[in-house]
Amino acid sequence: MSKLIANLDSSFSKYALAAGTGLTIGYLLSRLVFCSSSASKSKETDYYETRKLLDEYLAMHFGKELDLLQYKFFPAQALEFPQRCADQCIKHYQNTTPRRALDIGCAVGASSFDLARCFDEVVGIDYSQSFINACNELKKKGRMDYSIINEGDLTKPCTAEIPADIDRSRVHFQCGDACNLPTNLGQFGCVLAANLICRLPDTRAFLYRLPSLVAAGGILVITSPYTWLEQFTPKDKWIGGYLDKDGKPVTGFDTLKSILGTHFDLIDDENMQFFIRETAHKNQWSVAHCTIWKRKEN
């Protein structure tokens, strides 16, 4: 564990020197892979390499109800969002397609590990090196210590654990850019992009790549709270949340249907709540729109 922290500290120091500044963000579970300019990448990487954010994501992905929900009126149904995303993939997947899954913007890997319950091979990709380091630590040891903040410097120790019935050897993690993915990934029976599309500087570029990644008959699962923000996406690149030239409202879902409809059929959609714990008294409750698509046969 100490070796991992040292690696994270080292990575953070390098990025901080390169970027010169950090980035302060109010975020909604942003599963975040960036394909912006090198200067912007340095700033974003600087933020996503911090131990504080790593711990928050470990809590989001693996936190236990007794640790995360300080009060009885907190929404227990909003927990385990990554696992519920994996459940959506497994629910709609059909065995006629490759038993391979791709988790783009995998963060600290809970969805990727759960996908291994169904798929023979799972590839998790994230832009953050610290997140990928944590994924590989969890793959190797099955557990990882972290802490949650109660108040100020007062913290509570916790442990992220991968369920014993999951074959961790099926999962592979690597750093990558959602808008510049390796050309040798091949095709998958299922692709998951959880809370990613509203954190990309060019969402359309990412969406146009998806047909080459999902095999015919395969499943694509996209979740998003559609929180379009200029700090992540230039306004002229938003795919929703604006009025078109005729004054008609355009939503993210509208554009997903327009872009993906050529190669995919929309087979289901639903709203999924999720919860992010920051401190004992400050937390985020949000709703992501989950859309499930099936790759057309031709």
C-alpha atoms as a PDB file:
ATOM      1  CA  MET A   1       0.000   0.000   0.000  1.00  0.00           C
ATOM      2  CA  SER A   2       2.797   2.438   0.920  1.00  0.00           C
ATOM      3  CA  LYS A   3       4.425   1.734  -2.439  1.00  0.00           C
ATOM      4  CA  LEU A   4       1.178   2.608  -4.237  1.00  0.00           C
ATOM      5  CA  ILE A   5       0.840   5.875  -2.318  1.00  0.00           C
ATOM      6  CA  ALA A   6       4.431   6.728  -3.153  1.00  0.00           C
ATOM      7  CA  ASN A   7       3.739   6.109  -6.819  1.00  0.00           C
ATOM      8  CA  LEU A   8       0.632   8.286  -6.666  1.00  0.00           C
ATOM      9  CA  ASP A   9       2.533  11.075  -4.913  1.00  0.00           C
ATOM     10  CA  SER A  10       5.287  10.859  -7.494  1.00  0.00           C
ATOM     11  CA  SER A  11       2.803  10.992 -10.378  1.00  0.00           C
ATOM     12  CA  PHE A  12       1.005  13.919  -8.823  1.00  0.00           C
ATOM     13  CA  SER A  13       4.241  15.852  -8.334  1.00  0.00           C
ATOM     14  CA  LYS A  14       5.257  15.374 -11.966  1.00  0.00           C
ATOM     15  CA  TYR A  15       1.906  16.535 -13.272  1.00  0.00           C
ATOM     16  CA  ALA A  16       1.808  19.467 -10.871  1.00  0.00           C
ATOM     17  CA  LEU A  17       5.199  20.674 -12.106  1.00  0.00           C
ATOM     18  CA  ALA A  18       4.100  20.280 -15.714  1.00  0.00           C
ATOM     19  CA  ALA A  19       0.756  21.992 -15.321  1.00  0.00           C
ATOM     20  CA  GLY A  20       1.704  24.732 -12.906  1.00  0.00           C
ATOM     21  CA  THR A  21      -1.853  24.850 -11.528  1.00  0.00           C
ATOM     22  CA  GLY A  22      -4.483  22.470 -10.263  1.00  0.00           C
ATOM     23  CA  LEU A  23      -8.172  22.412 -11.131  1.00  0.00           C
ATOM     24  CA  THR A  24     -10.991  22.909  -8.659  1.00  0.00           C
ATOM     25  CA  ILE A  25     -14.161  21.118  -9.680  1.00  0.00           C
ATOM     26  CA  GLY A  26     -17.665  20.668  -8.355  1.00  0.00           C
ATOM     27  CA  TYR A  27     -18.492  17.388  -9.990  1.00  0.00           C
ATOM     28  CA  LEU A  28     -21.259  14.794 -10.327  1.00  0.00           C
ATOM     29  CA  LEU A  29     -19.727  11.365 -10.554  1.00  0.00           C
ATOM     30  CA  SER A  30     -17.728  12.378 -13.551  1.00  0.00           C
ATOM     31  CA  ARG A  31     -16.220   9.358 -15.072  1.00  0.00           C
ATOM     32  CA  LEU A  32     -13.733  11.232 -16.766  1.00  0.00           C
ATOM     33  CA  VAL A  33     -11.511  10.655 -19.692  1.00  0.00           C
ATOM     34  CA  PHE A  34     -10.211  13.703 -21.490  1.00  0.00           C
ATOM     35  CA  CYS A  35      -9.000  14.272 -25.040  1.00  0.00           C
ATOM     36  CA  SER A  36      -8.240  17.977 -24.901  1.00  0.00           C
ATOM     37  CA  SER A  37      -5.069  19.938 -25.579  1.00  0.00           C
ATOM     38  CA  SER A  38      -1.907  18.945 -23.725  1.00  0.00           C
ATOM     39  CA  ALA A  39      -2.166  21.983 -21.441  1.00  0.00           C
ATOM     40  CA  SER A  40      -5.743  21.130 -20.479  1.00  0.00           C
ATOM     41  CA  LYS A  41      -4.790  17.493 -19.969  1.00  0.00           C
ATOM     42  CA  SER A  42      -2.097  18.512 -17.506  1.00  0.00           C
ATOM     43  CA  LYS A  43      -4.560  20.513 -15.432  1.00  0.00           C
ATOM     44  CA  GLU A  44      -7.163  17.754 -15.394  1.00  0.00           C
ATOM     45  CA  THR A  45      -4.593  15.073 -14.657  1.00  0.00           C
ATOM     46  CA  ASP A  46      -3.260  17.192 -11.803  1.00  0.00           C
ATOM     47  CA  TYR A  47      -6.683  17.048 -10.158  1.00  0.00           C
ATOM     48  CA  TYR A  48      -7.420  13.415 -10.868  1.00  0.00           C
ATOM     49  CA  GLU A  49      -4.127  12.218  -9.434  1.00  0.00           C
ATOM     50  CA  THR A  50      -4.899  13.521  -5.924  1.00  0.00           C
ATOM     51  CA  ARG A  51      -5.274  11.116  -3.040  1.00  0.00           C
ATOM     52  CA  LYS A  52      -8.445  12.909  -1.913  1.00  0.00           C
ATOM     53  CA  LEU A  53     -10.259  12.164  -5.150  1.00  0.00           C
ATOM     54  CA  LEU A  54      -8.930   8.617  -5.274  1.00  0.00           C
ATOM     55  CA  ASP A  55     -10.400   7.979  -1.815  1.00  0.00           C
ATOM     56  CA  GLU A  56     -13.750   9.493  -2.829  1.00  0.00           C
ATOM     57  CA  TYR A  57     -13.946   7.195  -5.835  1.00  0.00           C
ATOM     58  CA  LEU A  58     -12.968   4.146  -3.795  1.00  0.00           C
ATOM     59  CA  ALA A  59     -15.803   5.038  -1.412  1.00  0.00           C
ATOM     60  CA  MET A  60     -18.217   5.517  -4.320  1.00  0.00           C
ATOM     61  CA  HIS A  61     -17.256   2.183  -5.893  1.00  0.00           C
ATOM     62  CA  PHE A  62     -16.725  -0.022  -2.858  1.00  0.00           C
ATOM     63  CA  GLY A  63     -18.012   1.797   0.234  1.00  0.00           C
ATOM     64  CA  LYS A  64     -20.292  -0.057   2.617  1.00  0.00           C
ATOM     65  CA  GLU A  65     -23.647   1.383   3.607  1.00  0.00           C
ATOM     66  CA  LEU A  66     -22.681   1.688   7.276  1.00  0.00           C
ATOM     67  CA  ASP A  67     -19.646   3.767   6.315  1.00  0.00           C
ATOM     68  CA  LEU A  68     -21.251   5.998   3.709  1.00  0.00           C
ATOM     69  CA  LEU A  69     -24.722   6.742   5.030  1.00  0.00           C
ATOM     70  CA  GLN A  70     -24.358   8.761   8.193  1.00  0.00           C
ATOM     71  CA  TYR A  71     -28.087   9.302   8.642  1.00  0.00           C
ATOM     72  CA  LYS A  72     -31.127   7.088   8.233  1.00  0.00           C
ATOM     73  CA  PHE A  73     -32.750   9.408   5.681  1.00  0.00           C
ATOM     74  CA  PHE A  74     -29.828   9.103   3.240  1.00  0.00           C
ATOM     75  CA  PRO A  75     -30.793   7.275  -0.006  1.00  0.00           C
ATOM     76  CA  ALA A  76     -29.481   3.722   0.325  1.00  0.00           C
ATOM     77  CA  GLN A  77     -30.891   2.950  -3.137  1.00  0.00           C
ATOM     78  CA  ALA A  78     -28.310   5.333  -4.639  1.00  0.00           C
ATOM     79  CA  LEU A  79     -25.328   3.246  -3.494  1.00  0.00           C
ATOM     80  CA  GLU A  80     -23.387   0.733  -5.624  1.00  0.00           C
ATOM     81  CA  PHE A  81     -23.913   2.697  -8.827  1.00  0.00           C
ATOM     82  CA  PRO A  82     -20.948   1.043 -10.649  1.00  0.00           C
ATOM     83  CA  GLN A  83     -22.260  -2.414  -9.783  1.00  0.00           C
ATOM     84  CA  ARG A  84     -25.729  -1.454 -11.021  1.00  0.00           C
ATOM     85  CA  CYS A  85     -24.201  -0.235 -14.289  1.00  0.00           C
ATOM     86  CA  ALA A  86     -22.551  -3.640 -14.702  1.00  0.00           C
ATOM     87  CA  ASP A  87     -25.901  -5.278 -13.952  1.00  0.00           C
ATOM     88  CA  GLN A  88     -27.457  -3.358 -16.842  1.00  0.00           C
ATOM     89  CA  CYS A  89     -24.748  -4.681 -19.167  1.00  0.00           C
ATOM     90  CA  ILE A  90     -25.159  -8.277 -18.026  1.00  0.00           C
ATOM     91  CA  LYS A  91     -28.960  -8.077 -18.138  1.00  0.00           C
ATOM     92  CA  HIS A  92     -29.033  -7.087 -21.818  1.00  0.00           C
ATOM     93  CA  TYR A  93     -25.976  -8.946 -23.105  1.00  0.00           C
ATOM     94  CA  GLN A  94     -26.587 -11.840 -25.499  1.00  0.00           C
ATOM     95  CA  ASN A  95     -24.212 -14.791 -25.725  1.00  0.00           C
ATOM     96  CA  THR A  96     -24.135 -14.665 -29.524  1.00  0.00           C
ATOM     97  CA  THR A  97     -21.597 -11.832 -29.401  1.00  0.00           C
ATOM     98  CA  PRO A  98     -17.962 -11.896 -28.150  1.00  0.00           C
ATOM     99  CA  ARG A  99     -17.647 -12.545 -24.417  1.00  0.00           C
ATOM    100  CA  ARG A 100     -15.527  -9.426 -24.095  1.00  0.00           C
ATOM    101  CA  ALA A 101     -16.498  -6.204 -22.305  1.00  0.00           C
ATOM    102  CA  LEU A 102     -14.994  -2.716 -22.426  1.00  0.00           C
ATOM    103  CA  ASP A 103     -15.438  -0.273 -19.540  1.00  0.00           C
ATOM    104  CA  ILE A 104     -14.428   3.184 -20.804  1.00  0.00           C
ATOM    105  CA  GLY A 105     -13.778   5.587 -17.946  1.00  0.00           C
ATOM    106  CA  CYS A 106     -13.567   2.733 -15.468  1.00  0.00           C
ATOM    107  CA  ALA A 107     -12.327   4.899 -12.554  1.00  0.00           C
ATOM    108  CA  VAL A 108     -11.275   2.526  -9.752  1.00  0.00           C
ATOM    109  CA  GLY A 109     -12.807  -0.508 -11.399  1.00  0.00           C
ATOM    110  CA  ALA A 110     -15.930  -1.694  -9.595  1.00  0.00           C
ATOM    111  CA  SER A 111     -17.946  -2.033 -12.816  1.00  0.00           C
ATOM    112  CA  SER A 112     -15.053  -3.778 -14.560  1.00  0.00           C
ATOM    113  CA  PHE A 113     -14.699  -6.363 -11.805  1.00  0.00           C
ATOM    114  CA  ASP A 114     -18.440  -7.022 -11.726  1.00  0.00           C
ATOM    115  CA  LEU A 115     -18.493  -7.470 -15.502  1.00  0.00           C
ATOM    116  CA  ALA A 116     -16.046 -10.342 -14.997  1.00  0.00           C
ATOM    117  CA  ARG A 117     -18.940 -12.329 -13.521  1.00  0.00           C
ATOM    118  CA  CYS A 118     -20.285 -12.673 -17.063  1.00  0.00           C
ATOM    119  CA  PHE A 119     -17.480 -11.932 -19.521  1.00  0.00           C
ATOM    120  CA  ASP A 120     -14.329 -13.949 -20.169  1.00  0.00           C
ATOM    121  CA  GLU A 121     -12.304 -10.780 -20.751  1.00  0.00           C
ATOM    122  CA  VAL A 122     -12.883  -7.257 -19.443  1.00  0.00           C
ATOM    123  CA  VAL A 123     -10.804  -4.221 -20.435  1.00  0.00           C
ATOM    124  CA  GLY A 124     -11.016  -1.175 -18.151  1.00  0.00           C
ATOM    125  CA  ILE A 125      -9.627   2.094 -19.477  1.00  0.00           C
ATOM    126  CA  ASP A 126      -9.240   5.391 -17.644  1.00  0.00           C
ATOM    127  CA  TYR A 127      -7.204   8.553 -18.200  1.00  0.00           C
ATOM    128  CA  SER A 128      -6.069   8.799 -14.561  1.00  0.00           C
ATOM    129  CA  GLN A 129      -2.884   6.932 -13.703  1.00  0.00           C
ATOM    130  CA  SER A 130      -3.740   6.916  -9.997  1.00  0.00           C
ATOM    131  CA  PHE A 131      -7.091   5.263 -10.731  1.00  0.00           C
ATOM    132  CA  ILE A 132      -5.421   2.623 -12.902  1.00  0.00           C
ATOM    133  CA  ASN A 133      -2.786   2.033 -10.203  1.00  0.00           C
ATOM    134  CA  ALA A 134      -5.617   1.438  -7.723  1.00  0.00           C
ATOM    135  CA  CYS A 135      -7.364  -0.930 -10.151  1.00  0.00           C
ATOM    136  CA  ASN A 136      -4.199  -2.993 -10.512  1.00  0.00           C
ATOM    137  CA  GLU A 137      -3.675  -3.029  -6.742  1.00  0.00           C
ATOM    138  CA  LEU A 138      -7.208  -4.361  -6.306  1.00  0.00           C
ATOM    139  CA  LYS A 139      -6.678  -6.905  -9.069  1.00  0.00           C
ATOM    140  CA  LYS A 140      -3.469  -8.156  -7.459  1.00  0.00           C
ATOM    141  CA  LYS A 141      -4.494  -8.220  -3.792  1.00  0.00           C
ATOM    142  CA  GLY A 142      -8.295  -8.142  -3.874  1.00  0.00           C
ATOM    143  CA  ARG A 143      -8.390  -5.292  -1.369  1.00  0.00           C
ATOM    144  CA  MET A 144      -7.094  -1.787  -0.766  1.00  0.00           C
ATOM    145  CA  ASP A 145      -7.198   0.554   2.209  1.00  0.00           C
ATOM    146  CA  TYR A 146      -8.569   4.076   1.914  1.00  0.00           C
ATOM    147  CA  SER A 147     -10.171   6.671   4.169  1.00  0.00           C
ATOM    148  CA  ILE A 148     -13.316   8.779   4.157  1.00  0.00           C
ATOM    149  CA  ILE A 149     -13.505  12.291   5.563  1.00  0.00           C
ATOM    150  CA  ASN A 150     -15.808  12.946   8.476  1.00  0.00           C
ATOM    151  CA  GLU A 151     -14.851  16.566   9.116  1.00  0.00           C
ATOM    152  CA  GLY A 152     -11.725  18.516   8.211  1.00  0.00           C
ATOM    153  CA  ASP A 153      -8.745  16.301   8.996  1.00  0.00           C
ATOM    154  CA  LEU A 154     -10.868  13.753  10.863  1.00  0.00           C
ATOM    155  CA  THR A 155     -11.097  10.590   8.785  1.00  0.00           C
ATOM    156  CA  LYS A 156     -12.308   7.026   9.077  1.00  0.00           C
ATOM    157  CA  PRO A 157     -10.291   4.082   7.716  1.00  0.00           C
ATOM    158  CA  CYS A 158     -12.062   1.806   5.243  1.00  0.00           C
ATOM    159  CA  THR A 159     -11.163  -1.075   2.962  1.00  0.00           C
ATOM    160  CA  ALA A 160     -12.219  -1.668  -0.626  1.00  0.00           C
ATOM    161  CA  GLU A 161     -12.671  -5.374  -1.307  1.00  0.00           C
ATOM    162  CA  ILE A 162     -13.382  -7.362  -4.458  1.00  0.00           C
ATOM    163  CA  PRO A 163     -15.924 -10.151  -3.827  1.00  0.00           C
ATOM    164  CA  ALA A 164     -14.236 -13.541  -3.555  1.00  0.00           C
ATOM    165  CA  ASP A 165     -16.422 -15.086  -6.263  1.00  0.00           C
ATOM    166  CA  ILE A 166     -15.071 -12.733  -8.969  1.00  0.00           C
ATOM    167  CA  ASP A 167     -12.220 -14.025 -11.127  1.00  0.00           C
ATOM    168  CA  ARG A 168      -9.929 -10.991 -11.079  1.00  0.00           C
ATOM    169  CA  SER A 169      -7.610 -12.504 -13.686  1.00  0.00           C
ATOM    170  CA  ARG A 170     -10.256 -11.813 -16.340  1.00  0.00           C
ATOM    171  CA  VAL A 171      -9.836  -8.047 -15.965  1.00  0.00           C
ATOM    172  CA  HIS A 172      -7.121  -5.918 -17.565  1.00  0.00           C
ATOM    173  CA  PHE A 173      -6.629  -2.210 -16.855  1.00  0.00           C
ATOM    174  CA  GLN A 174      -4.796   0.431 -18.851  1.00  0.00           C
ATOM    175  CA  CYS A 175      -4.530   4.191 -19.156  1.00  0.00           C
ATOM    176  CA  GLY A 176      -6.160   5.603 -22.241  1.00  0.00           C
ATOM    177  CA  ASP A 177      -7.880   8.556 -23.867  1.00  0.00           C
ATOM    178  CA  ALA A 178     -11.571   8.121 -24.673  1.00  0.00           C
ATOM    179  CA  CYS A 179     -11.200  10.167 -27.846  1.00  0.00           C
ATOM    180  CA  ASN A 180      -8.022   8.458 -28.980  1.00  0.00           C
ATOM    181  CA  LEU A 181      -8.465   4.813 -28.038  1.00  0.00           C
ATOM    182  CA  PRO A 182      -5.951   2.220 -29.276  1.00  0.00           C
ATOM    183  CA  THR A 183      -6.724   0.867 -32.719  1.00  0.00           C
ATOM    184  CA  ASN A 184      -5.999  -2.731 -31.694  1.00  0.00           C
ATOM    185  CA  LEU A 185      -8.713  -3.113 -29.037  1.00  0.00           C
ATOM    186  CA  GLY A 186     -10.855  -5.286 -31.283  1.00  0.00           C
ATOM    187  CA  GLN A 187     -14.606  -5.650 -30.828  1.00  0.00           C
ATOM    188  CA  PHE A 188     -16.667  -6.304 -27.737  1.00  0.00           C
ATOM    189  CA  GLY A 189     -19.981  -7.877 -26.904  1.00  0.00           C
ATOM    190  CA  CYS A 190     -20.591  -5.035 -24.455  1.00  0.00           C
ATOM    191  CA  VAL A 191     -19.245  -1.497 -24.025  1.00  0.00           C
ATOM    192  CA  LEU A 192     -19.981   0.579 -20.927  1.00  0.00           C
ATOM    193  CA  ALA A 193     -19.455   4.354 -20.722  1.00  0.00           C
ATOM    194  CA  ALA A 194     -20.701   5.452 -17.303  1.00  0.00           C
ATOM    195  CA  ASN A 195     -21.047   9.188 -16.630  1.00  0.00           C
ATOM    196  CA  LEU A 196     -18.458  10.021 -19.251  1.00  0.00           C
ATOM    197  CA  ILE A 197     -19.966  11.841 -22.210  1.00  0.00           C
ATOM    198  CA  CYS A 198     -20.614  15.180 -20.449  1.00  0.00           C
ATOM    199  CA  ARG A 199     -16.981  15.384 -19.364  1.00  0.00           C
ATOM    200  CA  LEU A 200     -15.361  15.161 -22.780  1.00  0.00           C
ATOM    201  CA  PRO A 201     -14.172  18.132 -24.840  1.00  0.00           C
ATOM    202  CA  ASP A 202     -15.516  16.495 -28.005  1.00  0.00           C
ATOM    203  CA  THR A 203     -18.304  14.064 -27.199  1.00  0.00           C
ATOM    204  CA  ARG A 204     -19.219  13.518 -30.829  1.00  0.00           C
ATOM    205  CA  ALA A 205     -15.720  12.237 -31.622  1.00  0.00           C
ATOM    206  CA  PHE A 206     -16.132   9.607 -28.915  1.00  0.00           C
ATOM    207  CA  LEU A 207     -19.628   8.611 -30.055  1.00  0.00           C
ATOM    208  CA  TYR A 208     -18.519   8.184 -33.665  1.00  0.00           C
ATOM    209  CA  ARG A 209     -15.876   5.664 -32.536  1.00  0.00           C
ATOM    210  CA  LEU A 210     -18.353   3.380 -30.785  1.00  0.00           C
ATOM    211  CA  PRO A 211     -19.725   1.465 -33.814  1.00  0.00           C
ATOM    212  CA  SER A 212     -16.245   0.067 -34.483  1.00  0.00           C
ATOM    213  CA  LEU A 213     -15.942  -1.172 -30.886  1.00  0.00           C
ATOM    214  CA  VAL A 214     -19.315  -2.905 -30.447  1.00  0.00           C
ATOM    215  CA  ALA A 215     -19.748  -6.156 -32.366  1.00  0.00           C
ATOM    216  CA  ALA A 216     -22.926  -6.760 -34.360  1.00  0.00           C
ATOM    217  CA  GLY A 217     -25.648  -7.703 -31.879  1.00  0.00           C
ATOM    218  CA  GLY A 218     -23.552  -6.337 -29.004  1.00  0.00           C
ATOM    219  CA  ILE A 219     -24.719  -4.008 -26.234  1.00  0.00           C
ATOM    220  CA  LEU A 220     -23.740  -0.398 -25.523  1.00  0.00           C
ATOM    221  CA  VAL A 221     -24.642   1.117 -22.137  1.00  0.00           C
ATOM    222  CA  ILE A 222     -24.252   4.871 -21.633  1.00  0.00           C
ATOM    223  CA  THR A 223     -25.136   6.708 -18.444  1.00  0.00           C
ATOM    224  CA  SER A 224     -24.972  10.465 -17.974  1.00  0.00           C
ATOM    225  CA  PRO A 225     -26.417  13.184 -15.738  1.00  0.00           C
ATOM    226  CA  TYR A 226     -26.068  15.504 -18.781  1.00  0.00           C
ATOM    227  CA  THR A 227     -24.228  18.147 -16.768  1.00  0.00           C
ATOM    228  CA  TRP A 228     -22.800  20.174 -19.629  1.00  0.00           C
ATOM    229  CA  LEU A 229     -20.120  22.522 -18.306  1.00  0.00           C
ATOM    230  CA  GLU A 230     -17.740  24.762 -20.228  1.00  0.00           C
ATOM    231  CA  GLN A 231     -14.879  23.825 -17.908  1.00  0.00           C
ATOM    232  CA  PHE A 232     -15.003  20.366 -19.501  1.00  0.00           C
ATOM    233  CA  THR A 233     -16.633  20.846 -22.895  1.00  0.00           C
ATOM    234  CA  PRO A 234     -16.501  23.992 -25.059  1.00  0.00           C
ATOM    235  CA  LYS A 235     -20.033  25.243 -25.502  1.00  0.00           C
ATOM    236  CA  ASP A 236     -19.933  24.746 -29.260  1.00  0.00           C
ATOM    237  CA  LYS A 237     -19.193  21.055 -28.586  1.00  0.00           C
ATOM    238  CA  TRP A 238     -22.131  20.420 -26.247  1.00  0.00           C
ATOM    239  CA  ILE A 239     -24.480  17.747 -27.570  1.00  0.00           C
ATOM    240  CA  GLY A 240     -27.351  18.926 -25.374  1.00  0.00           C
ATOM    241  CA  GLY A 241     -28.551  21.643 -23.047  1.00  0.00           C
ATOM    242  CA  TYR A 242     -28.952  24.419 -25.635  1.00  0.00           C
ATOM    243  CA  LEU A 243     -31.360  25.949 -28.172  1.00  0.00           C
ATOM    244  CA  ASP A 244     -30.750  25.239 -31.849  1.00  0.00           C
ATOM    245  CA  LYS A 245     -30.806  27.893 -34.568  1.00  0.00           C
ATOM    246  CA  ASP A 246     -34.597  27.675 -34.680  1.00  0.00           C
ATOM    247  CA  GLY A 247     -34.944  28.143 -30.918  1.00  0.00           C
ATOM    248  CA  LYS A 248     -35.794  24.499 -30.294  1.00  0.00           C
ATOM    249  CA  PRO A 249     -34.403  22.862 -27.124  1.00  0.00           C
ATOM    250  CA  VAL A 250     -31.791  20.163 -27.790  1.00  0.00           C
ATOM    251  CA  THR A 251     -31.115  17.536 -25.120  1.00  0.00           C
ATOM    252  CA  GLY A 252     -28.243  15.111 -24.783  1.00  0.00           C
ATOM    253  CA  PHE A 253     -30.653  12.236 -25.295  1.00  0.00           C
ATOM    254  CA  ASP A 254     -31.851  13.839 -28.566  1.00  0.00           C
ATOM    255  CA  THR A 255     -28.312  13.897 -29.921  1.00  0.00           C
ATOM    256  CA  LEU A 256     -27.511  10.387 -28.718  1.00  0.00           C
ATOM    257  CA  LYS A 257     -30.474   9.113 -30.699  1.00  0.00           C
ATOM    258  CA  SER A 258     -29.428  11.115 -33.744  1.00  0.00           C
ATOM    259  CA  ILE A 259     -25.787   9.982 -33.756  1.00  0.00           C
ATOM    260  CA  LEU A 260     -26.164   6.408 -32.523  1.00  0.00           C
ATOM    261  CA  GLY A 261     -29.363   5.649 -34.400  1.00  0.00           C
ATOM    262  CA  THR A 262     -27.513   4.886 -37.623  1.00  0.00           C
ATOM    263  CA  HIS A 263     -25.725   1.885 -36.112  1.00  0.00           C
ATOM    264  CA  PHE A 264     -27.677   1.092 -32.918  1.00  0.00           C
ATOM    265  CA  ASP A 265     -31.235   0.408 -31.811  1.00  0.00           C
ATOM    266  CA  LEU A 266     -32.338   1.927 -28.504  1.00  0.00           C
ATOM    267  CA  ILE A 267     -33.726  -0.998 -26.502  1.00  0.00           C
ATOM    268  CA  ASP A 268     -34.225   0.525 -23.043  1.00  0.00           C
ATOM    269  CA  ASP A 269     -33.651   3.592 -20.908  1.00  0.00           C
ATOM    270  CA  GLU A 270     -34.163   4.474 -17.273  1.00  0.00           C
ATOM    271  CA  ASN A 271     -33.030   6.917 -14.609  1.00  0.00           C
ATOM    272  CA  MET A 272     -30.448   5.714 -12.081  1.00  0.00           C
ATOM    273  CA  GLN A 273     -29.654   7.593  -8.901  1.00  0.00           C
ATOM    274  CA  PHE A 274     -26.146   7.691  -7.460  1.00  0.00           C
ATOM    275  CA  PHE A 275     -24.496   8.970  -4.305  1.00  0.00           C
ATOM    276  CA  ILE A 276     -21.096  10.522  -3.692  1.00  0.00           C
ATOM    277  CA  ARG A 277     -19.893  10.968  -0.143  1.00  0.00           C
ATOM    278  CA  GLU A 278     -17.591  13.935   0.478  1.00  0.00           C
ATOM    279  CA  THR A 279     -17.846  14.383   4.258  1.00  0.00           C
ATOM    280  CA  ALA A 280     -20.186  13.253   7.009  1.00  0.00           C
ATOM    281  CA  HIS A 281     -22.402  16.279   6.300  1.00  0.00           C
ATOM    282  CA  LYS A 282     -21.741  17.148   2.643  1.00  0.00           C
ATOM    283  CA  ASN A 283     -22.691  14.716  -0.064  1.00  0.00           C
ATOM    284  CA  GLN A 284     -24.034  14.545  -3.608  1.00  0.00           C
ATOM    285  CA  TRP A 285     -27.241  12.825  -4.678  1.00  0.00           C
ATOM    286  CA  SER A 286     -27.658  12.779  -8.439  1.00  0.00           C
ATOM    287  CA  VAL A 287     -29.554  11.045 -11.240  1.00  0.00           C
ATOM    288  CA  ALA A 288     -27.986   9.638 -14.384  1.00  0.00           C
ATOM    289  CA  HIS A 289     -29.973   8.764 -17.484  1.00  0.00           C
ATOM    290  CA  CYS A 290     -29.095   5.217 -18.537  1.00  0.00           C
ATOM    291  CA  THR A 291     -29.589   4.292 -22.186  1.00  0.00           C
ATOM    292  CA  ILE A 292     -29.074   0.768 -23.554  1.00  0.00           C
ATOM    293  CA  TRP A 293     -28.347   0.254 -27.234  1.00  0.00           C
ATOM    294  CA  LYS A 294     -28.005  -2.827 -29.413  1.00  0.00           C
ATOM    295  CA  ARG A 295     -25.591  -2.803 -32.346  1.00  0.00           C
ATOM    296  CA  LYS A 296     -27.446  -3.432 -35.583  1.00  0.00           C
ATOM    297  CA  GLU A 297     -26.549  -6.550 -37.516  1.00  0.00           C
ATOM    298  CA  ASN A 298     -25.639  -4.597 -40.643  1.00  0.00           C
END
